[in-house]
Amino acid sequence: MRADHSEHDCVVDTMSPFDAVISSNAQPAVGERIVAYLDYLGRIEGAVTEAGMRTFTMSLNATDRKRDKLSAQLTWLANKHELGLPEDRNHERVAPSNPSSEIQLEDGRRYPCRIIDLSVSGAAIEIDVRPAFGTMVILGNMRGRVVRHFQEGIAMEFTTVQPEDAIIQLS
């Protein structure tokens, strides 16, 4: 997603925890803010440092913790085929086309949130509050339990596997 909120398909050519070279028909300007949702890695953001006809390089805005996590994810992705490693997720995760949503707690409190990614079995949610592990929450009409906290928010596991069609409609 470019600074003007237009969305474009892209492919990451090379990536480190500090920057990424991306191929795309979009031609952002140097300094432009970019947000990308990448398979297996989730959300990254940063600014364009170099721009060409079909590629651009972006410097990633990330905390040290996020860079460490990216490093581990990139290492796993680079080695999984050579080492015959299994996928670390039970179901494929996708980024929704409209990530704005709301989490509801059992006591009725509601909090705005942003869906980072989701699958038929769970979701990663960017949210300012951190309900305790095991807390039941509702995301849209999907009920689940908080299973993990991370810097940007929470991960939830749905109480039942959601229909794949429902997840596809959100992506």
N, C-alpha and C. Protein backbone atom coordinates (compact mmCIF):
# COMPACT_ATOMS: atom_id res chain seq x y z
N MET A 1 0.85 -1.17 0.00
CA MET A 1 0.00 0.00 0.00
C MET A 1 0.90 1.24 0.00
N ARG A 2 0.63 2.12 -0.93
CA ARG A 2 1.40 3.35 -1.04
C ARG A 2 0.84 4.41 -0.11
N ALA A 3 1.53 5.54 -0.05
CA ALA A 3 1.12 6.63 0.84
C ALA A 3 -0.27 7.16 0.50
N ASP A 4 -0.68 7.05 -0.77
CA ASP A 4 -2.02 7.51 -1.17
C ASP A 4 -3.09 6.44 -0.90
N HIS A 5 -2.72 5.36 -0.21
CA HIS A 5 -3.59 4.23 0.16
C HIS A 5 -3.98 3.35 -1.02
N SER A 6 -3.34 3.53 -2.17
CA SER A 6 -3.60 2.62 -3.28
C SER A 6 -2.83 1.32 -3.02
N GLU A 7 -3.42 0.21 -3.44
CA GLU A 7 -2.82 -1.10 -3.20
C GLU A 7 -2.36 -1.70 -4.52
N HIS A 8 -1.20 -2.38 -4.45
CA HIS A 8 -0.59 -2.95 -5.65
C HIS A 8 0.01 -4.31 -5.31
N ASP A 9 -0.04 -5.22 -6.27
CA ASP A 9 0.61 -6.51 -6.10
C ASP A 9 2.11 -6.30 -6.12
N CYS A 10 2.82 -7.14 -5.39
CA CYS A 10 4.28 -7.03 -5.37
C CYS A 10 4.89 -8.38 -5.05
N VAL A 11 6.19 -8.49 -5.31
CA VAL A 11 6.97 -9.67 -4.98
C VAL A 11 8.26 -9.20 -4.33
N VAL A 12 8.61 -9.81 -3.21
CA VAL A 12 9.86 -9.46 -2.55
C VAL A 12 10.97 -10.24 -3.24
N ASP A 13 11.94 -9.51 -3.81
CA ASP A 13 13.07 -10.15 -4.47
C ASP A 13 14.12 -10.58 -3.46
N THR A 14 14.53 -9.68 -2.59
CA THR A 14 15.46 -9.99 -1.51
C THR A 14 15.03 -9.20 -0.29
N MET A 15 15.40 -9.75 0.89
CA MET A 15 14.97 -9.09 2.11
C MET A 15 15.92 -9.42 3.24
N SER A 16 16.12 -8.44 4.10
CA SER A 16 16.85 -8.62 5.35
C SER A 16 15.99 -8.00 6.44
N PRO A 17 16.40 -8.11 7.71
CA PRO A 17 15.62 -7.44 8.76
C PRO A 17 15.69 -5.91 8.68
N PHE A 18 16.49 -5.37 7.75
CA PHE A 18 16.67 -3.92 7.65
C PHE A 18 16.06 -3.31 6.39
N ASP A 19 16.00 -4.09 5.29
CA ASP A 19 15.43 -3.55 4.06
C ASP A 19 14.91 -4.66 3.17
N ALA A 20 14.20 -4.26 2.11
CA ALA A 20 13.63 -5.22 1.17
C ALA A 20 13.67 -4.62 -0.23
N VAL A 21 13.99 -5.46 -1.21
CA VAL A 21 13.92 -5.07 -2.61
C VAL A 21 12.65 -5.70 -3.15
N ILE A 22 11.79 -4.85 -3.70
CA ILE A 22 10.45 -5.29 -4.09
C ILE A 22 10.22 -5.00 -5.57
N SER A 23 9.67 -5.99 -6.28
CA SER A 23 9.25 -5.82 -7.68
C SER A 23 7.76 -5.51 -7.69
N SER A 24 7.39 -4.49 -8.46
CA SER A 24 5.99 -4.10 -8.54
C SER A 24 5.80 -3.17 -9.73
N ASN A 25 4.58 -3.14 -10.26
CA ASN A 25 4.27 -2.17 -11.31
C ASN A 25 4.13 -0.77 -10.74
N ALA A 26 3.92 -0.67 -9.42
CA ALA A 26 3.84 0.64 -8.77
C ALA A 26 5.23 1.27 -8.82
N GLN A 27 5.27 2.56 -8.96
CA GLN A 27 6.55 3.26 -9.01
C GLN A 27 6.57 4.34 -7.92
N PRO A 28 6.79 3.94 -6.66
CA PRO A 28 6.80 4.94 -5.59
C PRO A 28 8.04 5.83 -5.66
N ALA A 29 7.94 6.99 -5.06
CA ALA A 29 9.05 7.94 -5.05
C ALA A 29 9.94 7.68 -3.84
N VAL A 30 11.20 8.06 -3.96
CA VAL A 30 12.13 7.95 -2.83
C VAL A 30 11.54 8.76 -1.67
N GLY A 31 11.52 8.14 -0.48
CA GLY A 31 10.97 8.77 0.71
C GLY A 31 9.52 8.42 0.97
N GLU A 32 8.82 7.85 -0.01
CA GLU A 32 7.41 7.51 0.16
C GLU A 32 7.26 6.37 1.17
N ARG A 33 6.24 6.45 2.02
CA ARG A 33 5.95 5.42 3.02
C ARG A 33 5.20 4.27 2.35
N ILE A 34 5.64 3.06 2.64
CA ILE A 34 5.05 1.85 2.08
C ILE A 34 4.67 0.92 3.23
N VAL A 35 3.50 0.30 3.12
CA VAL A 35 3.09 -0.77 4.04
C VAL A 35 2.82 -1.99 3.18
N ALA A 36 3.41 -3.12 3.54
CA ALA A 36 3.22 -4.35 2.77
C ALA A 36 2.81 -5.49 3.70
N TYR A 37 1.92 -6.33 3.21
CA TYR A 37 1.50 -7.52 3.94
C TYR A 37 2.06 -8.72 3.17
N LEU A 38 3.00 -9.40 3.79
CA LEU A 38 3.74 -10.47 3.13
C LEU A 38 3.33 -11.84 3.65
N ASP A 39 3.18 -12.79 2.73
CA ASP A 39 2.92 -14.17 3.14
C ASP A 39 4.01 -14.61 4.09
N TYR A 40 3.64 -15.30 5.14
CA TYR A 40 4.53 -15.87 6.15
C TYR A 40 5.14 -14.83 7.10
N LEU A 41 5.21 -13.57 6.70
CA LEU A 41 5.88 -12.56 7.52
C LEU A 41 4.93 -11.54 8.11
N GLY A 42 3.79 -11.34 7.50
CA GLY A 42 2.85 -10.36 8.00
C GLY A 42 3.16 -8.96 7.51
N ARG A 43 2.90 -7.99 8.36
CA ARG A 43 2.99 -6.57 7.99
C ARG A 43 4.41 -6.04 8.16
N ILE A 44 4.87 -5.34 7.13
CA ILE A 44 6.12 -4.59 7.23
C ILE A 44 5.83 -3.17 6.75
N GLU A 45 6.61 -2.22 7.22
CA GLU A 45 6.45 -0.87 6.72
C GLU A 45 7.79 -0.18 6.71
N GLY A 46 7.87 0.86 5.89
CA GLY A 46 9.11 1.60 5.80
C GLY A 46 9.03 2.67 4.73
N ALA A 47 10.18 3.19 4.37
CA ALA A 47 10.25 4.25 3.38
C ALA A 47 11.12 3.80 2.21
N VAL A 48 10.77 4.25 1.02
CA VAL A 48 11.52 3.93 -0.19
C VAL A 48 12.85 4.66 -0.15
N THR A 49 13.93 3.90 -0.35
CA THR A 49 15.27 4.50 -0.38
C THR A 49 15.84 4.56 -1.79
N GLU A 50 15.40 3.67 -2.67
CA GLU A 50 15.81 3.66 -4.07
C GLU A 50 14.60 3.26 -4.90
N ALA A 51 14.44 3.89 -6.06
CA ALA A 51 13.31 3.56 -6.93
C ALA A 51 13.78 3.38 -8.36
N GLY A 52 13.30 2.30 -9.00
CA GLY A 52 13.61 2.03 -10.39
C GLY A 52 12.32 1.86 -11.17
N MET A 53 12.44 1.33 -12.39
CA MET A 53 11.26 1.16 -13.24
C MET A 53 10.31 0.09 -12.71
N ARG A 54 10.84 -1.05 -12.29
CA ARG A 54 9.98 -2.14 -11.84
C ARG A 54 10.32 -2.62 -10.43
N THR A 55 11.32 -2.03 -9.81
CA THR A 55 11.68 -2.41 -8.45
C THR A 55 11.93 -1.17 -7.61
N PHE A 56 11.84 -1.37 -6.32
CA PHE A 56 12.23 -0.32 -5.39
C PHE A 56 12.77 -0.99 -4.13
N THR A 57 13.59 -0.25 -3.41
CA THR A 57 14.13 -0.73 -2.15
C THR A 57 13.51 0.10 -1.04
N MET A 58 13.09 -0.59 0.01
CA MET A 58 12.53 0.12 1.15
C MET A 58 13.31 -0.23 2.41
N SER A 59 13.56 0.77 3.21
CA SER A 59 14.19 0.60 4.51
C SER A 59 13.07 0.30 5.51
N LEU A 60 13.21 -0.75 6.30
CA LEU A 60 12.14 -1.16 7.20
C LEU A 60 12.17 -0.39 8.51
N ASN A 61 11.00 0.09 8.92
CA ASN A 61 10.84 0.68 10.24
C ASN A 61 10.46 -0.46 11.18
N ALA A 62 11.33 -0.78 12.12
CA ALA A 62 11.05 -1.89 13.03
C ALA A 62 11.87 -1.73 14.30
N THR A 63 11.30 -2.22 15.39
CA THR A 63 12.03 -2.25 16.65
C THR A 63 13.08 -3.36 16.59
N ASP A 64 13.99 -3.36 17.54
CA ASP A 64 14.98 -4.44 17.61
C ASP A 64 14.29 -5.79 17.75
N ARG A 65 13.23 -5.83 18.54
CA ARG A 65 12.49 -7.09 18.74
C ARG A 65 11.88 -7.57 17.42
N LYS A 66 11.27 -6.65 16.66
CA LYS A 66 10.68 -7.01 15.38
C LYS A 66 11.76 -7.47 14.40
N ARG A 67 12.93 -6.83 14.41
CA ARG A 67 14.03 -7.24 13.52
C ARG A 67 14.51 -8.64 13.88
N ASP A 68 14.60 -8.93 15.18
CA ASP A 68 14.99 -10.28 15.60
C ASP A 68 13.99 -11.31 15.12
N LYS A 69 12.71 -10.98 15.24
CA LYS A 69 11.66 -11.90 14.79
C LYS A 69 11.74 -12.08 13.26
N LEU A 70 11.92 -10.98 12.53
CA LEU A 70 12.06 -11.06 11.07
C LEU A 70 13.26 -11.92 10.69
N SER A 71 14.36 -11.74 11.39
CA SER A 71 15.56 -12.52 11.12
C SER A 71 15.28 -14.02 11.27
N ALA A 72 14.60 -14.38 12.34
CA ALA A 72 14.26 -15.79 12.57
C ALA A 72 13.31 -16.30 11.49
N GLN A 73 12.32 -15.49 11.13
CA GLN A 73 11.37 -15.91 10.10
C GLN A 73 12.05 -16.06 8.74
N LEU A 74 12.92 -15.11 8.40
CA LEU A 74 13.63 -15.19 7.12
C LEU A 74 14.56 -16.39 7.07
N THR A 75 15.24 -16.68 8.18
CA THR A 75 16.11 -17.86 8.25
C THR A 75 15.29 -19.12 8.06
N TRP A 76 14.15 -19.20 8.74
CA TRP A 76 13.29 -20.37 8.61
C TRP A 76 12.81 -20.53 7.17
N LEU A 77 12.36 -19.42 6.55
CA LEU A 77 11.88 -19.48 5.16
C LEU A 77 12.99 -19.92 4.21
N ALA A 78 14.20 -19.40 4.43
CA ALA A 78 15.32 -19.73 3.54
C ALA A 78 15.73 -21.19 3.65
N ASN A 79 15.53 -21.80 4.81
CA ASN A 79 16.03 -23.15 5.05
C ASN A 79 14.97 -24.24 5.06
N LYS A 80 13.71 -23.88 5.07
CA LYS A 80 12.67 -24.90 5.25
C LYS A 80 12.65 -25.96 4.15
N HIS A 81 12.88 -25.56 2.90
CA HIS A 81 12.84 -26.54 1.82
C HIS A 81 14.08 -27.43 1.82
N GLU A 82 15.25 -26.82 2.04
CA GLU A 82 16.49 -27.59 2.06
C GLU A 82 16.53 -28.61 3.20
N LEU A 83 15.96 -28.23 4.32
CA LEU A 83 16.00 -29.11 5.49
C LEU A 83 14.75 -29.97 5.63
N GLY A 84 13.80 -29.80 4.70
CA GLY A 84 12.56 -30.57 4.77
C GLY A 84 11.73 -30.21 6.00
N LEU A 85 11.80 -28.95 6.42
CA LEU A 85 11.06 -28.53 7.62
C LEU A 85 9.58 -28.41 7.30
N PRO A 86 8.74 -28.76 8.26
CA PRO A 86 7.30 -28.63 8.04
C PRO A 86 6.89 -27.17 8.19
N GLU A 87 5.72 -26.84 7.67
CA GLU A 87 5.16 -25.51 7.88
C GLU A 87 4.91 -25.34 9.37
N ASP A 88 5.08 -24.13 9.88
CA ASP A 88 4.85 -23.91 11.30
C ASP A 88 3.43 -23.46 11.61
N ARG A 89 2.59 -23.38 10.62
CA ARG A 89 1.18 -23.03 10.81
C ARG A 89 0.33 -24.18 10.32
N ASN A 90 -0.80 -24.38 11.00
CA ASN A 90 -1.72 -25.41 10.57
C ASN A 90 -2.51 -25.00 9.33
N HIS A 91 -2.76 -23.67 9.20
CA HIS A 91 -3.56 -23.17 8.09
C HIS A 91 -2.91 -21.92 7.51
N GLU A 92 -3.10 -21.72 6.21
CA GLU A 92 -2.55 -20.55 5.55
C GLU A 92 -3.18 -19.28 6.10
N ARG A 93 -2.36 -18.26 6.31
CA ARG A 93 -2.85 -16.97 6.80
C ARG A 93 -2.89 -15.98 5.65
N VAL A 94 -3.91 -15.12 5.68
CA VAL A 94 -4.07 -14.10 4.67
C VAL A 94 -4.30 -12.75 5.35
N ALA A 95 -3.93 -11.68 4.66
CA ALA A 95 -4.20 -10.33 5.15
C ALA A 95 -5.54 -9.89 4.57
N PRO A 96 -6.44 -9.39 5.40
CA PRO A 96 -7.75 -8.97 4.88
C PRO A 96 -7.64 -7.70 4.06
N SER A 97 -8.53 -7.53 3.09
CA SER A 97 -8.53 -6.33 2.27
C SER A 97 -8.96 -5.11 3.08
N ASN A 98 -9.84 -5.31 4.07
CA ASN A 98 -10.23 -4.24 4.98
C ASN A 98 -9.88 -4.69 6.39
N PRO A 99 -8.71 -4.30 6.89
CA PRO A 99 -8.26 -4.82 8.18
C PRO A 99 -8.92 -4.18 9.40
N SER A 100 -9.66 -3.10 9.24
CA SER A 100 -10.30 -2.44 10.39
C SER A 100 -11.41 -3.32 10.95
N SER A 101 -11.40 -3.49 12.27
CA SER A 101 -12.41 -4.32 12.90
C SER A 101 -12.57 -3.90 14.36
N GLU A 102 -13.18 -4.79 15.13
CA GLU A 102 -13.44 -4.52 16.53
C GLU A 102 -13.39 -5.84 17.30
N ILE A 103 -12.79 -5.77 18.49
CA ILE A 103 -12.77 -6.93 19.40
C ILE A 103 -13.77 -6.65 20.51
N GLN A 104 -14.56 -7.65 20.85
CA GLN A 104 -15.49 -7.53 21.96
C GLN A 104 -15.11 -8.54 23.03
N LEU A 105 -15.04 -8.08 24.28
CA LEU A 105 -14.79 -8.96 25.41
C LEU A 105 -16.11 -9.51 25.92
N GLU A 106 -16.03 -10.56 26.74
CA GLU A 106 -17.25 -11.18 27.25
C GLU A 106 -18.11 -10.22 28.07
N ASP A 107 -17.48 -9.23 28.72
CA ASP A 107 -18.25 -8.29 29.54
C ASP A 107 -18.88 -7.17 28.70
N GLY A 108 -18.72 -7.24 27.37
CA GLY A 108 -19.34 -6.27 26.48
C GLY A 108 -18.44 -5.13 26.04
N ARG A 109 -17.29 -4.96 26.69
CA ARG A 109 -16.38 -3.89 26.26
C ARG A 109 -15.91 -4.16 24.84
N ARG A 110 -15.81 -3.08 24.07
CA ARG A 110 -15.40 -3.18 22.66
C ARG A 110 -14.18 -2.29 22.43
N TYR A 111 -13.27 -2.79 21.58
CA TYR A 111 -12.05 -2.04 21.28
C TYR A 111 -11.80 -2.09 19.78
N PRO A 112 -11.49 -0.95 19.18
CA PRO A 112 -11.12 -0.97 17.76
C PRO A 112 -9.80 -1.73 17.59
N CYS A 113 -9.66 -2.39 16.46
CA CYS A 113 -8.43 -3.15 16.20
C CYS A 113 -8.19 -3.21 14.71
N ARG A 114 -7.04 -3.76 14.35
CA ARG A 114 -6.69 -3.97 12.95
C ARG A 114 -6.26 -5.43 12.82
N ILE A 115 -6.88 -6.13 11.88
CA ILE A 115 -6.52 -7.53 11.64
C ILE A 115 -5.24 -7.55 10.83
N ILE A 116 -4.18 -8.13 11.41
CA ILE A 116 -2.90 -8.25 10.70
C ILE A 116 -3.00 -9.37 9.68
N ASP A 117 -3.42 -10.54 10.14
CA ASP A 117 -3.69 -11.66 9.25
C ASP A 117 -4.61 -12.63 9.96
N LEU A 118 -5.21 -13.53 9.18
CA LEU A 118 -6.09 -14.52 9.77
C LEU A 118 -6.13 -15.77 8.92
N SER A 119 -6.57 -16.85 9.55
CA SER A 119 -6.74 -18.13 8.87
C SER A 119 -8.06 -18.71 9.37
N VAL A 120 -8.35 -19.93 8.95
CA VAL A 120 -9.58 -20.56 9.40
C VAL A 120 -9.54 -20.90 10.89
N SER A 121 -8.34 -20.89 11.49
CA SER A 121 -8.22 -21.28 12.89
C SER A 121 -7.84 -20.15 13.85
N GLY A 122 -7.48 -18.97 13.33
CA GLY A 122 -7.09 -17.90 14.24
C GLY A 122 -6.73 -16.62 13.53
N ALA A 123 -6.33 -15.61 14.33
CA ALA A 123 -6.00 -14.31 13.77
C ALA A 123 -4.95 -13.61 14.62
N ALA A 124 -4.17 -12.75 13.97
CA ALA A 124 -3.25 -11.84 14.65
C ALA A 124 -3.88 -10.46 14.57
N ILE A 125 -3.98 -9.81 15.72
CA ILE A 125 -4.72 -8.56 15.84
C ILE A 125 -3.83 -7.46 16.41
N GLU A 126 -3.78 -6.32 15.74
CA GLU A 126 -3.10 -5.15 16.30
C GLU A 126 -4.13 -4.41 17.14
N ILE A 127 -3.83 -4.25 18.43
CA ILE A 127 -4.77 -3.65 19.36
C ILE A 127 -3.99 -3.05 20.53
N ASP A 128 -4.52 -1.98 21.10
CA ASP A 128 -3.83 -1.30 22.19
C ASP A 128 -3.96 -2.02 23.53
N VAL A 129 -5.06 -2.75 23.75
CA VAL A 129 -5.24 -3.47 25.02
C VAL A 129 -4.70 -4.89 24.88
N ARG A 130 -4.39 -5.52 25.99
CA ARG A 130 -3.87 -6.89 25.99
C ARG A 130 -4.72 -7.74 26.94
N PRO A 131 -5.85 -8.29 26.45
CA PRO A 131 -6.61 -9.19 27.30
C PRO A 131 -5.72 -10.36 27.74
N ALA A 132 -5.94 -10.87 28.93
CA ALA A 132 -5.12 -11.95 29.48
C ALA A 132 -5.20 -13.20 28.61
N PHE A 133 -4.15 -14.02 28.69
CA PHE A 133 -4.16 -15.31 27.99
C PHE A 133 -5.40 -16.08 28.42
N GLY A 134 -6.05 -16.71 27.45
CA GLY A 134 -7.24 -17.50 27.74
C GLY A 134 -8.54 -16.71 27.73
N THR A 135 -8.47 -15.39 27.67
CA THR A 135 -9.68 -14.57 27.65
C THR A 135 -10.46 -14.83 26.37
N MET A 136 -11.77 -15.02 26.52
CA MET A 136 -12.63 -15.20 25.35
C MET A 136 -12.90 -13.84 24.73
N VAL A 137 -12.74 -13.74 23.40
CA VAL A 137 -12.99 -12.51 22.66
C VAL A 137 -13.78 -12.84 21.40
N ILE A 138 -14.42 -11.81 20.86
CA ILE A 138 -15.16 -11.97 19.61
C ILE A 138 -14.61 -10.97 18.61
N LEU A 139 -14.20 -11.46 17.47
CA LEU A 139 -13.71 -10.65 16.35
C LEU A 139 -14.75 -10.77 15.25
N GLY A 140 -15.50 -9.69 15.00
CA GLY A 140 -16.61 -9.80 14.05
C GLY A 140 -17.62 -10.78 14.62
N ASN A 141 -17.84 -11.88 13.92
CA ASN A 141 -18.72 -12.93 14.45
C ASN A 141 -17.93 -14.21 14.79
N MET A 142 -16.61 -14.07 14.90
CA MET A 142 -15.75 -15.22 15.18
C MET A 142 -15.30 -15.18 16.63
N ARG A 143 -15.68 -16.19 17.37
CA ARG A 143 -15.37 -16.28 18.79
C ARG A 143 -14.06 -17.05 18.97
N GLY A 144 -13.24 -16.58 19.91
CA GLY A 144 -11.98 -17.26 20.14
C GLY A 144 -11.37 -16.91 21.48
N ARG A 145 -10.16 -17.40 21.67
CA ARG A 145 -9.45 -17.24 22.94
C ARG A 145 -8.08 -16.64 22.66
N VAL A 146 -7.63 -15.70 23.52
CA VAL A 146 -6.32 -15.09 23.39
C VAL A 146 -5.27 -16.16 23.72
N VAL A 147 -4.33 -16.38 22.78
CA VAL A 147 -3.32 -17.42 22.98
C VAL A 147 -1.89 -16.86 23.03
N ARG A 148 -1.72 -15.59 22.62
CA ARG A 148 -0.38 -15.03 22.60
C ARG A 148 -0.45 -13.52 22.60
N HIS A 149 0.55 -12.89 23.22
CA HIS A 149 0.74 -11.43 23.14
C HIS A 149 2.00 -11.18 22.34
N PHE A 150 2.02 -10.11 21.57
CA PHE A 150 3.23 -9.67 20.89
C PHE A 150 3.22 -8.16 20.90
N GLN A 151 4.28 -7.55 20.42
CA GLN A 151 4.44 -6.10 20.58
C GLN A 151 3.25 -5.31 20.06
N GLU A 152 2.72 -5.68 18.91
CA GLU A 152 1.64 -4.91 18.30
C GLU A 152 0.26 -5.29 18.80
N GLY A 153 0.12 -6.45 19.48
CA GLY A 153 -1.22 -6.85 19.88
C GLY A 153 -1.31 -8.26 20.40
N ILE A 154 -2.30 -9.01 19.88
CA ILE A 154 -2.59 -10.36 20.37
C ILE A 154 -2.79 -11.32 19.21
N ALA A 155 -2.66 -12.60 19.54
CA ALA A 155 -3.06 -13.66 18.62
C ALA A 155 -4.22 -14.37 19.27
N MET A 156 -5.20 -14.71 18.48
CA MET A 156 -6.35 -15.44 19.01
C MET A 156 -6.56 -16.72 18.21
N GLU A 157 -7.02 -17.73 18.90
CA GLU A 157 -7.38 -19.00 18.27
C GLU A 157 -8.89 -19.11 18.31
N PHE A 158 -9.51 -19.32 17.16
CA PHE A 158 -10.96 -19.44 17.11
C PHE A 158 -11.42 -20.70 17.83
N THR A 159 -12.61 -20.65 18.45
CA THR A 159 -13.12 -21.82 19.17
C THR A 159 -13.52 -22.93 18.21
N THR A 160 -13.90 -22.56 16.99
CA THR A 160 -14.19 -23.55 15.95
C THR A 160 -13.51 -23.10 14.66
N VAL A 161 -13.16 -24.05 13.83
CA VAL A 161 -12.56 -23.72 12.53
C VAL A 161 -13.62 -23.00 11.70
N GLN A 162 -13.22 -21.86 11.16
CA GLN A 162 -14.14 -21.04 10.37
C GLN A 162 -14.23 -21.58 8.94
N PRO A 163 -15.37 -21.37 8.28
CA PRO A 163 -15.47 -21.78 6.88
C PRO A 163 -14.43 -21.02 6.04
N GLU A 164 -13.75 -21.74 5.17
CA GLU A 164 -12.72 -21.11 4.35
C GLU A 164 -13.30 -19.99 3.49
N ASP A 165 -14.55 -20.13 3.05
CA ASP A 165 -15.19 -19.09 2.25
C ASP A 165 -15.28 -17.77 3.02
N ALA A 166 -15.55 -17.84 4.30
CA ALA A 166 -15.64 -16.62 5.13
C ALA A 166 -14.30 -15.91 5.20
N ILE A 167 -13.22 -16.67 5.31
CA ILE A 167 -11.88 -16.09 5.37
C ILE A 167 -11.51 -15.50 4.01
N ILE A 168 -11.82 -16.19 2.94
CA ILE A 168 -11.51 -15.72 1.58
C ILE A 168 -12.24 -14.41 1.30
N GLN A 169 -13.49 -14.28 1.77
CA GLN A 169 -14.25 -13.05 1.55
C GLN A 169 -13.59 -11.85 2.21
N LEU A 170 -12.89 -12.06 3.33
CA LEU A 170 -12.21 -10.98 4.02
C LEU A 170 -10.90 -10.58 3.35
N SER A 171 -10.30 -11.51 2.58
CA SER A 171 -8.99 -11.24 1.98
C SER A 171 -9.12 -10.55 0.64
